[in-house]
Amino acid sequence: MTEGDHGLVRVSVGGLVRDHRENPVVLLKGTDTDEVLPIWIGQAEALSIDLQLRGETFERPLTHDLLKTAVESLGAKVVRVAVTDLKDNTFFAKIYIQRGNEVFAIDARPSDSIALAIRTHSPIFVARAVFDAHKQALEARDVPPEDSDDTLRKYLRDLDPGEF
């Protein structure tokens, strides 16, 4: 998988919000669009992502900090992560780690992949078929166009994981 691969959409973390049941949702925003791919994640991963996005650290290393340190201590680096599939309402991802001339693809949850990518400043991709099939346009639900966390939170209150 490369950035030039037409089967992939490069994304960034557009926000971290909670749905109407207070479940955390990470929003992956396409770099060339205002559409987002919402992925429901666990509380621990949400905390890890949120702390990193705010530039804060925990007193002791979190799991994703430990993984980053382990990868780097082995002389390797995370070169990209990709959300690759959605099966039975579960997203799948891969972490691509390079050591020398070898690249290893490791199966992972999207939340862990995203948390690690943020820490290593690695690009995040989504398989185009997954993004296109499950993306949400903010305008689709008459959400005001202002770009704020409150707007995203309001938008997601009406979303239901069952829609995906």
N, C-alpha and C. Protein backbone atom coordinates (compact mmCIF):
# COMPACT_ATOMS: atom_id res chain seq x y z
N MET A 1 0.84 -1.19 0.00
CA MET A 1 0.00 0.00 0.00
C MET A 1 0.88 1.24 0.00
N THR A 2 0.65 2.08 -0.92
CA THR A 2 1.39 3.33 -0.99
C THR A 2 0.41 4.47 -1.07
N GLU A 3 0.91 5.69 -0.82
CA GLU A 3 0.04 6.86 -0.88
C GLU A 3 -0.57 7.02 -2.27
N GLY A 4 0.12 6.57 -3.30
CA GLY A 4 -0.38 6.72 -4.65
C GLY A 4 -1.39 5.64 -5.05
N ASP A 5 -1.60 4.66 -4.18
CA ASP A 5 -2.52 3.57 -4.47
C ASP A 5 -3.94 4.12 -4.51
N HIS A 6 -4.62 3.89 -5.64
CA HIS A 6 -5.98 4.41 -5.80
C HIS A 6 -6.99 3.64 -4.97
N GLY A 7 -6.58 2.53 -4.37
CA GLY A 7 -7.47 1.75 -3.52
C GLY A 7 -7.53 2.27 -2.10
N LEU A 8 -6.82 3.36 -1.83
CA LEU A 8 -6.75 3.90 -0.48
C LEU A 8 -7.13 5.37 -0.45
N VAL A 9 -7.69 5.77 0.68
CA VAL A 9 -8.00 7.18 0.93
C VAL A 9 -7.15 7.59 2.13
N ARG A 10 -6.38 8.65 1.97
CA ARG A 10 -5.62 9.16 3.10
C ARG A 10 -6.56 9.95 3.99
N VAL A 11 -6.47 9.71 5.29
CA VAL A 11 -7.35 10.37 6.24
C VAL A 11 -6.53 10.94 7.39
N SER A 12 -7.20 11.77 8.17
CA SER A 12 -6.63 12.27 9.41
C SER A 12 -7.69 12.13 10.48
N VAL A 13 -7.28 12.24 11.72
CA VAL A 13 -8.25 12.18 12.80
C VAL A 13 -8.96 13.53 12.84
N GLY A 14 -10.23 13.51 12.47
CA GLY A 14 -11.03 14.74 12.41
C GLY A 14 -11.64 15.11 13.74
N GLY A 15 -11.61 14.20 14.68
CA GLY A 15 -12.16 14.47 15.99
C GLY A 15 -12.45 13.19 16.74
N LEU A 16 -12.70 13.37 18.00
CA LEU A 16 -13.07 12.27 18.88
C LEU A 16 -14.30 12.76 19.63
N VAL A 17 -15.41 12.08 19.45
CA VAL A 17 -16.67 12.53 20.04
C VAL A 17 -17.37 11.34 20.69
N ARG A 18 -18.53 11.60 21.28
CA ARG A 18 -19.34 10.55 21.90
C ARG A 18 -20.72 10.54 21.27
N ASP A 19 -21.25 9.33 21.07
CA ASP A 19 -22.59 9.24 20.52
C ASP A 19 -23.62 9.45 21.64
N HIS A 20 -24.89 9.29 21.32
CA HIS A 20 -25.94 9.57 22.30
C HIS A 20 -25.93 8.60 23.48
N ARG A 21 -25.21 7.51 23.38
CA ARG A 21 -25.06 6.56 24.48
C ARG A 21 -23.73 6.74 25.22
N GLU A 22 -23.02 7.82 24.87
CA GLU A 22 -21.71 8.15 25.47
C GLU A 22 -20.60 7.20 25.06
N ASN A 23 -20.79 6.46 23.96
CA ASN A 23 -19.72 5.62 23.42
C ASN A 23 -18.78 6.49 22.61
N PRO A 24 -17.46 6.29 22.76
CA PRO A 24 -16.52 7.10 21.98
C PRO A 24 -16.50 6.72 20.51
N VAL A 25 -16.38 7.74 19.67
CA VAL A 25 -16.34 7.57 18.22
C VAL A 25 -15.19 8.40 17.68
N VAL A 26 -14.28 7.76 16.96
CA VAL A 26 -13.22 8.50 16.30
C VAL A 26 -13.68 8.79 14.88
N LEU A 27 -13.46 10.01 14.43
CA LEU A 27 -13.87 10.42 13.08
C LEU A 27 -12.64 10.51 12.20
N LEU A 28 -12.59 9.70 11.16
CA LEU A 28 -11.50 9.76 10.20
C LEU A 28 -11.99 10.59 9.03
N LYS A 29 -11.34 11.73 8.82
CA LYS A 29 -11.74 12.69 7.79
C LYS A 29 -10.84 12.54 6.58
N GLY A 30 -11.47 12.37 5.42
CA GLY A 30 -10.70 12.31 4.18
C GLY A 30 -9.96 13.61 3.95
N THR A 31 -8.74 13.54 3.45
CA THR A 31 -7.95 14.76 3.25
C THR A 31 -8.50 15.62 2.13
N ASP A 32 -9.26 15.03 1.21
CA ASP A 32 -9.80 15.78 0.08
C ASP A 32 -11.31 15.96 0.15
N THR A 33 -11.91 15.76 1.33
CA THR A 33 -13.35 15.82 1.45
C THR A 33 -13.76 16.26 2.84
N ASP A 34 -15.01 16.65 3.00
CA ASP A 34 -15.54 16.98 4.32
C ASP A 34 -16.27 15.78 4.92
N GLU A 35 -16.21 14.65 4.24
CA GLU A 35 -16.86 13.45 4.74
C GLU A 35 -15.97 12.75 5.76
N VAL A 36 -16.62 12.07 6.70
CA VAL A 36 -15.90 11.37 7.76
C VAL A 36 -16.34 9.92 7.81
N LEU A 37 -15.44 9.09 8.28
CA LEU A 37 -15.74 7.70 8.56
C LEU A 37 -15.77 7.56 10.08
N PRO A 38 -16.96 7.37 10.66
CA PRO A 38 -17.03 7.20 12.12
C PRO A 38 -16.72 5.75 12.50
N ILE A 39 -15.86 5.58 13.50
CA ILE A 39 -15.53 4.25 13.99
C ILE A 39 -15.71 4.27 15.51
N TRP A 40 -16.60 3.42 16.01
CA TRP A 40 -16.82 3.32 17.44
C TRP A 40 -15.65 2.57 18.05
N ILE A 41 -15.11 3.10 19.16
CA ILE A 41 -13.92 2.52 19.78
C ILE A 41 -14.15 2.37 21.29
N GLY A 42 -13.21 1.72 21.94
CA GLY A 42 -13.29 1.50 23.38
C GLY A 42 -12.85 2.73 24.18
N GLN A 43 -13.19 2.71 25.45
CA GLN A 43 -12.88 3.84 26.34
C GLN A 43 -11.36 4.05 26.50
N ALA A 44 -10.61 2.96 26.68
CA ALA A 44 -9.16 3.09 26.89
C ALA A 44 -8.47 3.67 25.65
N GLU A 45 -8.89 3.20 24.47
CA GLU A 45 -8.29 3.71 23.23
C GLU A 45 -8.69 5.18 23.02
N ALA A 46 -9.91 5.52 23.38
CA ALA A 46 -10.37 6.90 23.25
C ALA A 46 -9.52 7.81 24.14
N LEU A 47 -9.26 7.38 25.36
CA LEU A 47 -8.42 8.17 26.27
C LEU A 47 -7.02 8.35 25.68
N SER A 48 -6.46 7.27 25.17
CA SER A 48 -5.12 7.31 24.59
C SER A 48 -5.05 8.28 23.40
N ILE A 49 -6.05 8.20 22.52
CA ILE A 49 -6.08 9.08 21.35
C ILE A 49 -6.29 10.52 21.78
N ASP A 50 -7.22 10.73 22.69
CA ASP A 50 -7.54 12.08 23.16
C ASP A 50 -6.33 12.75 23.80
N LEU A 51 -5.64 12.05 24.68
CA LEU A 51 -4.45 12.62 25.32
C LEU A 51 -3.41 13.03 24.28
N GLN A 52 -3.19 12.17 23.30
CA GLN A 52 -2.19 12.46 22.28
C GLN A 52 -2.61 13.65 21.42
N LEU A 53 -3.89 13.71 21.05
CA LEU A 53 -4.37 14.84 20.25
C LEU A 53 -4.22 16.16 20.99
N ARG A 54 -4.37 16.13 22.31
CA ARG A 54 -4.26 17.34 23.12
C ARG A 54 -2.81 17.62 23.54
N GLY A 55 -1.90 16.73 23.15
CA GLY A 55 -0.49 16.93 23.49
C GLY A 55 -0.19 16.69 24.96
N GLU A 56 -1.01 15.91 25.62
CA GLU A 56 -0.81 15.62 27.04
C GLU A 56 -0.25 14.21 27.19
N THR A 57 0.37 13.98 28.32
CA THR A 57 0.92 12.65 28.60
C THR A 57 0.41 12.17 29.95
N PHE A 58 0.42 10.87 30.10
CA PHE A 58 0.05 10.23 31.35
C PHE A 58 1.32 10.11 32.17
N GLU A 59 1.18 9.96 33.47
CA GLU A 59 2.35 9.84 34.34
C GLU A 59 3.23 8.65 33.94
N ARG A 60 2.60 7.54 33.61
CA ARG A 60 3.31 6.34 33.16
C ARG A 60 2.92 6.05 31.72
N PRO A 61 3.74 5.34 30.96
CA PRO A 61 3.41 5.07 29.56
C PRO A 61 2.13 4.25 29.42
N LEU A 62 1.29 4.66 28.48
CA LEU A 62 0.12 3.87 28.13
C LEU A 62 0.54 2.78 27.15
N THR A 63 -0.34 1.86 26.87
CA THR A 63 -0.02 0.73 26.00
C THR A 63 0.53 1.18 24.64
N HIS A 64 -0.06 2.24 24.08
CA HIS A 64 0.39 2.69 22.76
C HIS A 64 1.76 3.37 22.83
N ASP A 65 2.06 4.00 23.96
CA ASP A 65 3.40 4.55 24.16
C ASP A 65 4.42 3.41 24.26
N LEU A 66 4.04 2.37 24.97
CA LEU A 66 4.90 1.20 25.12
C LEU A 66 5.16 0.53 23.77
N LEU A 67 4.11 0.39 22.97
CA LEU A 67 4.28 -0.21 21.64
C LEU A 67 5.20 0.63 20.77
N LYS A 68 5.04 1.93 20.79
CA LYS A 68 5.93 2.83 20.02
C LYS A 68 7.37 2.64 20.46
N THR A 69 7.60 2.61 21.75
CA THR A 69 8.95 2.44 22.28
C THR A 69 9.52 1.08 21.88
N ALA A 70 8.71 0.04 21.95
CA ALA A 70 9.18 -1.30 21.58
C ALA A 70 9.57 -1.36 20.10
N VAL A 71 8.72 -0.81 19.24
CA VAL A 71 9.02 -0.81 17.80
C VAL A 71 10.33 -0.07 17.53
N GLU A 72 10.47 1.11 18.10
CA GLU A 72 11.68 1.92 17.88
C GLU A 72 12.91 1.27 18.50
N SER A 73 12.77 0.61 19.63
CA SER A 73 13.90 -0.06 20.28
C SER A 73 14.42 -1.23 19.46
N LEU A 74 13.56 -1.79 18.63
CA LEU A 74 13.96 -2.89 17.76
C LEU A 74 14.51 -2.40 16.42
N GLY A 75 14.73 -1.09 16.31
CA GLY A 75 15.29 -0.53 15.08
C GLY A 75 14.29 -0.47 13.94
N ALA A 76 13.01 -0.42 14.26
CA ALA A 76 11.98 -0.38 13.23
C ALA A 76 11.19 0.92 13.36
N LYS A 77 10.28 1.13 12.40
CA LYS A 77 9.41 2.30 12.45
C LYS A 77 8.07 1.97 11.83
N VAL A 78 7.05 2.64 12.33
CA VAL A 78 5.72 2.50 11.75
C VAL A 78 5.68 3.39 10.52
N VAL A 79 5.42 2.80 9.36
CA VAL A 79 5.43 3.58 8.12
C VAL A 79 4.03 4.01 7.68
N ARG A 80 3.00 3.27 8.14
CA ARG A 80 1.62 3.65 7.85
C ARG A 80 0.70 2.71 8.59
N VAL A 81 -0.55 3.13 8.74
CA VAL A 81 -1.61 2.24 9.21
C VAL A 81 -2.76 2.35 8.23
N ALA A 82 -3.55 1.30 8.14
CA ALA A 82 -4.68 1.31 7.20
C ALA A 82 -5.85 0.55 7.77
N VAL A 83 -7.03 1.16 7.70
CA VAL A 83 -8.28 0.46 7.99
C VAL A 83 -8.61 -0.26 6.69
N THR A 84 -8.63 -1.59 6.74
CA THR A 84 -8.66 -2.38 5.52
C THR A 84 -10.00 -3.01 5.18
N ASP A 85 -10.86 -3.21 6.19
CA ASP A 85 -12.09 -3.95 5.90
C ASP A 85 -13.12 -3.70 6.99
N LEU A 86 -14.35 -4.06 6.69
CA LEU A 86 -15.46 -4.05 7.65
C LEU A 86 -16.24 -5.33 7.42
N LYS A 87 -16.26 -6.19 8.43
CA LYS A 87 -16.99 -7.46 8.35
C LYS A 87 -17.80 -7.63 9.62
N ASP A 88 -19.07 -7.97 9.46
CA ASP A 88 -19.94 -8.21 10.60
C ASP A 88 -19.89 -7.07 11.61
N ASN A 89 -19.96 -5.84 11.12
CA ASN A 89 -19.94 -4.63 11.95
C ASN A 89 -18.64 -4.42 12.71
N THR A 90 -17.56 -5.04 12.28
CA THR A 90 -16.25 -4.87 12.91
C THR A 90 -15.25 -4.40 11.87
N PHE A 91 -14.60 -3.27 12.17
CA PHE A 91 -13.55 -2.77 11.30
C PHE A 91 -12.26 -3.54 11.56
N PHE A 92 -11.46 -3.71 10.51
CA PHE A 92 -10.16 -4.35 10.61
C PHE A 92 -9.10 -3.37 10.12
N ALA A 93 -7.90 -3.50 10.67
CA ALA A 93 -6.81 -2.60 10.27
C ALA A 93 -5.49 -3.36 10.27
N LYS A 94 -4.50 -2.71 9.67
CA LYS A 94 -3.14 -3.24 9.66
C LYS A 94 -2.18 -2.11 10.02
N ILE A 95 -1.15 -2.47 10.76
CA ILE A 95 -0.05 -1.57 11.06
C ILE A 95 1.13 -2.05 10.23
N TYR A 96 1.72 -1.16 9.46
CA TYR A 96 2.86 -1.50 8.61
C TYR A 96 4.14 -1.01 9.28
N ILE A 97 4.98 -1.96 9.63
CA ILE A 97 6.23 -1.66 10.34
C ILE A 97 7.40 -2.04 9.44
N GLN A 98 8.35 -1.10 9.31
CA GLN A 98 9.52 -1.35 8.46
C GLN A 98 10.76 -1.46 9.33
N ARG A 99 11.55 -2.48 9.03
CA ARG A 99 12.85 -2.67 9.65
C ARG A 99 13.81 -3.03 8.54
N GLY A 100 14.74 -2.14 8.26
CA GLY A 100 15.63 -2.36 7.13
C GLY A 100 14.83 -2.32 5.85
N ASN A 101 14.98 -3.35 5.03
CA ASN A 101 14.25 -3.42 3.76
C ASN A 101 12.95 -4.21 3.87
N GLU A 102 12.65 -4.72 5.05
CA GLU A 102 11.45 -5.53 5.23
C GLU A 102 10.31 -4.70 5.80
N VAL A 103 9.11 -4.94 5.27
CA VAL A 103 7.91 -4.31 5.81
C VAL A 103 6.98 -5.42 6.28
N PHE A 104 6.55 -5.31 7.52
CA PHE A 104 5.65 -6.29 8.11
C PHE A 104 4.27 -5.67 8.28
N ALA A 105 3.24 -6.40 7.90
CA ALA A 105 1.86 -5.96 8.10
C ALA A 105 1.30 -6.75 9.28
N ILE A 106 0.89 -6.02 10.31
CA ILE A 106 0.40 -6.64 11.53
C ILE A 106 -1.09 -6.35 11.68
N ASP A 107 -1.88 -7.39 11.86
CA ASP A 107 -3.32 -7.24 12.07
C ASP A 107 -3.56 -6.51 13.39
N ALA A 108 -4.46 -5.53 13.36
CA ALA A 108 -4.72 -4.73 14.56
C ALA A 108 -6.11 -4.14 14.51
N ARG A 109 -6.57 -3.68 15.66
CA ARG A 109 -7.83 -2.95 15.69
C ARG A 109 -7.57 -1.54 15.18
N PRO A 110 -8.55 -0.94 14.52
CA PRO A 110 -8.36 0.44 14.04
C PRO A 110 -8.01 1.41 15.16
N SER A 111 -8.62 1.26 16.32
CA SER A 111 -8.36 2.20 17.41
C SER A 111 -6.90 2.15 17.85
N ASP A 112 -6.34 0.95 17.96
CA ASP A 112 -4.93 0.81 18.33
C ASP A 112 -4.04 1.35 17.23
N SER A 113 -4.41 1.06 15.98
CA SER A 113 -3.63 1.54 14.84
C SER A 113 -3.59 3.06 14.81
N ILE A 114 -4.74 3.68 15.02
CA ILE A 114 -4.82 5.14 15.00
C ILE A 114 -4.02 5.74 16.15
N ALA A 115 -4.17 5.17 17.34
CA ALA A 115 -3.42 5.68 18.50
C ALA A 115 -1.92 5.60 18.26
N LEU A 116 -1.46 4.52 17.64
CA LEU A 116 -0.03 4.38 17.35
C LEU A 116 0.40 5.33 16.24
N ALA A 117 -0.42 5.48 15.21
CA ALA A 117 -0.08 6.38 14.10
C ALA A 117 0.06 7.82 14.58
N ILE A 118 -0.80 8.24 15.48
CA ILE A 118 -0.71 9.60 16.01
C ILE A 118 0.62 9.80 16.74
N ARG A 119 1.02 8.80 17.51
CA ARG A 119 2.26 8.90 18.29
C ARG A 119 3.51 8.88 17.40
N THR A 120 3.43 8.15 16.29
CA THR A 120 4.61 8.01 15.42
C THR A 120 4.56 8.95 14.22
N HIS A 121 3.53 9.77 14.15
CA HIS A 121 3.34 10.71 13.03
C HIS A 121 3.33 9.97 11.69
N SER A 122 2.68 8.81 11.71
CA SER A 122 2.57 7.98 10.51
C SER A 122 1.25 8.27 9.79
N PRO A 123 1.24 8.15 8.47
CA PRO A 123 -0.01 8.39 7.73
C PRO A 123 -1.05 7.32 8.02
N ILE A 124 -2.31 7.73 7.96
CA ILE A 124 -3.44 6.84 8.17
C ILE A 124 -4.21 6.75 6.86
N PHE A 125 -4.56 5.53 6.45
CA PHE A 125 -5.32 5.30 5.24
C PHE A 125 -6.55 4.46 5.56
N VAL A 126 -7.53 4.54 4.67
CA VAL A 126 -8.70 3.67 4.72
C VAL A 126 -8.89 3.10 3.32
N ALA A 127 -9.20 1.82 3.24
CA ALA A 127 -9.50 1.23 1.93
C ALA A 127 -10.65 2.03 1.31
N ARG A 128 -10.48 2.43 0.07
CA ARG A 128 -11.48 3.28 -0.60
C ARG A 128 -12.87 2.66 -0.55
N ALA A 129 -12.97 1.36 -0.76
CA ALA A 129 -14.29 0.70 -0.74
C ALA A 129 -14.95 0.83 0.63
N VAL A 130 -14.16 0.73 1.68
CA VAL A 130 -14.69 0.87 3.05
C VAL A 130 -15.11 2.32 3.30
N PHE A 131 -14.25 3.25 2.93
CA PHE A 131 -14.57 4.67 3.16
C PHE A 131 -15.82 5.07 2.38
N ASP A 132 -15.86 4.72 1.10
CA ASP A 132 -16.99 5.11 0.25
C ASP A 132 -18.31 4.49 0.72
N ALA A 133 -18.26 3.27 1.20
CA ALA A 133 -19.48 2.58 1.62
C ALA A 133 -20.01 3.05 2.98
N HIS A 134 -19.15 3.62 3.82
CA HIS A 134 -19.56 3.92 5.20
C HIS A 134 -19.31 5.36 5.63
N LYS A 135 -18.88 6.19 4.72
CA LYS A 135 -18.62 7.59 5.05
C LYS A 135 -19.93 8.32 5.34
N GLN A 136 -19.81 9.39 6.08
CA GLN A 136 -20.96 10.22 6.42
C GLN A 136 -20.61 11.67 6.09
N ALA A 137 -21.51 12.32 5.37
CA ALA A 137 -21.34 13.74 5.10
C ALA A 137 -22.04 14.51 6.20
N LEU A 138 -21.36 15.48 6.75
CA LEU A 138 -21.97 16.27 7.82
C LEU A 138 -23.24 16.96 7.35
N GLU A 139 -23.28 17.38 6.10
CA GLU A 139 -24.45 18.08 5.56
C GLU A 139 -25.66 17.14 5.43
N ALA A 140 -25.42 15.85 5.40
CA ALA A 140 -26.50 14.90 5.15
C ALA A 140 -27.58 14.94 6.24
N ARG A 141 -27.25 15.41 7.41
CA ARG A 141 -28.21 15.43 8.50
C ARG A 141 -28.53 16.85 8.94
N ASP A 142 -28.36 17.79 8.03
CA ASP A 142 -28.68 19.19 8.31
C ASP A 142 -27.90 19.75 9.49
N VAL A 143 -26.67 19.36 9.58
CA VAL A 143 -25.81 19.89 10.62
C VAL A 143 -25.26 21.22 10.15
N PRO A 144 -25.23 22.24 11.00
CA PRO A 144 -24.67 23.52 10.58
C PRO A 144 -23.24 23.36 10.10
N PRO A 145 -22.83 24.18 9.13
CA PRO A 145 -21.51 24.00 8.52
C PRO A 145 -20.33 24.44 9.39
N GLU A 146 -20.56 25.09 10.52
CA GLU A 146 -19.42 25.53 11.30
C GLU A 146 -18.57 24.34 11.72
N ASP A 147 -17.28 24.54 11.75
CA ASP A 147 -16.33 23.46 12.00
C ASP A 147 -15.94 23.49 13.47
N SER A 148 -16.64 22.72 14.30
CA SER A 148 -16.33 22.73 15.72
C SER A 148 -16.61 21.37 16.32
N ASP A 149 -16.04 21.13 17.48
CA ASP A 149 -16.30 19.89 18.19
C ASP A 149 -17.77 19.78 18.57
N ASP A 150 -18.40 20.90 18.93
CA ASP A 150 -19.82 20.87 19.29
C ASP A 150 -20.67 20.42 18.12
N THR A 151 -20.32 20.86 16.92
CA THR A 151 -21.07 20.46 15.72
C THR A 151 -20.94 18.96 15.51
N LEU A 152 -19.74 18.43 15.64
CA LEU A 152 -19.53 17.01 15.46
C LEU A 152 -20.24 16.20 16.54
N ARG A 153 -20.18 16.68 17.77
CA ARG A 153 -20.87 15.99 18.86
C ARG A 153 -22.38 15.94 18.60
N LYS A 154 -22.94 17.05 18.19
CA LYS A 154 -24.37 17.12 17.91
C LYS A 154 -24.73 16.17 16.76
N TYR A 155 -23.93 16.17 15.74
CA TYR A 155 -24.15 15.29 14.59
C TYR A 155 -24.16 13.82 15.00
N LEU A 156 -23.21 13.44 15.85
CA LEU A 156 -23.08 12.04 16.21
C LEU A 156 -24.10 11.56 17.22
N ARG A 157 -24.75 12.47 17.92
CA ARG A 157 -25.78 12.04 18.86
C ARG A 157 -26.89 11.26 18.17
N ASP A 158 -27.15 11.60 16.91
CA ASP A 158 -28.22 10.94 16.17
C ASP A 158 -27.75 9.72 15.39
N LEU A 159 -26.45 9.48 15.34
CA LEU A 159 -25.95 8.31 14.63
C LEU A 159 -26.14 7.06 15.48
N ASP A 160 -26.32 5.96 14.81
CA ASP A 160 -26.47 4.68 15.48
C ASP A 160 -25.49 3.70 14.85
N PRO A 161 -24.68 3.00 15.65
CA PRO A 161 -23.72 2.05 15.08
C PRO A 161 -24.40 1.04 14.16
N GLY A 162 -25.66 0.74 14.38
CA GLY A 162 -26.36 -0.21 13.54
C GLY A 162 -26.53 0.23 12.10
N GLU A 163 -26.35 1.55 11.85
CA GLU A 163 -26.47 2.06 10.49
C GLU A 163 -25.30 1.61 9.61
N PHE A 164 -24.27 1.12 10.23
CA PHE A 164 -23.07 0.75 9.47
C PHE A 164 -23.00 -0.75 9.34
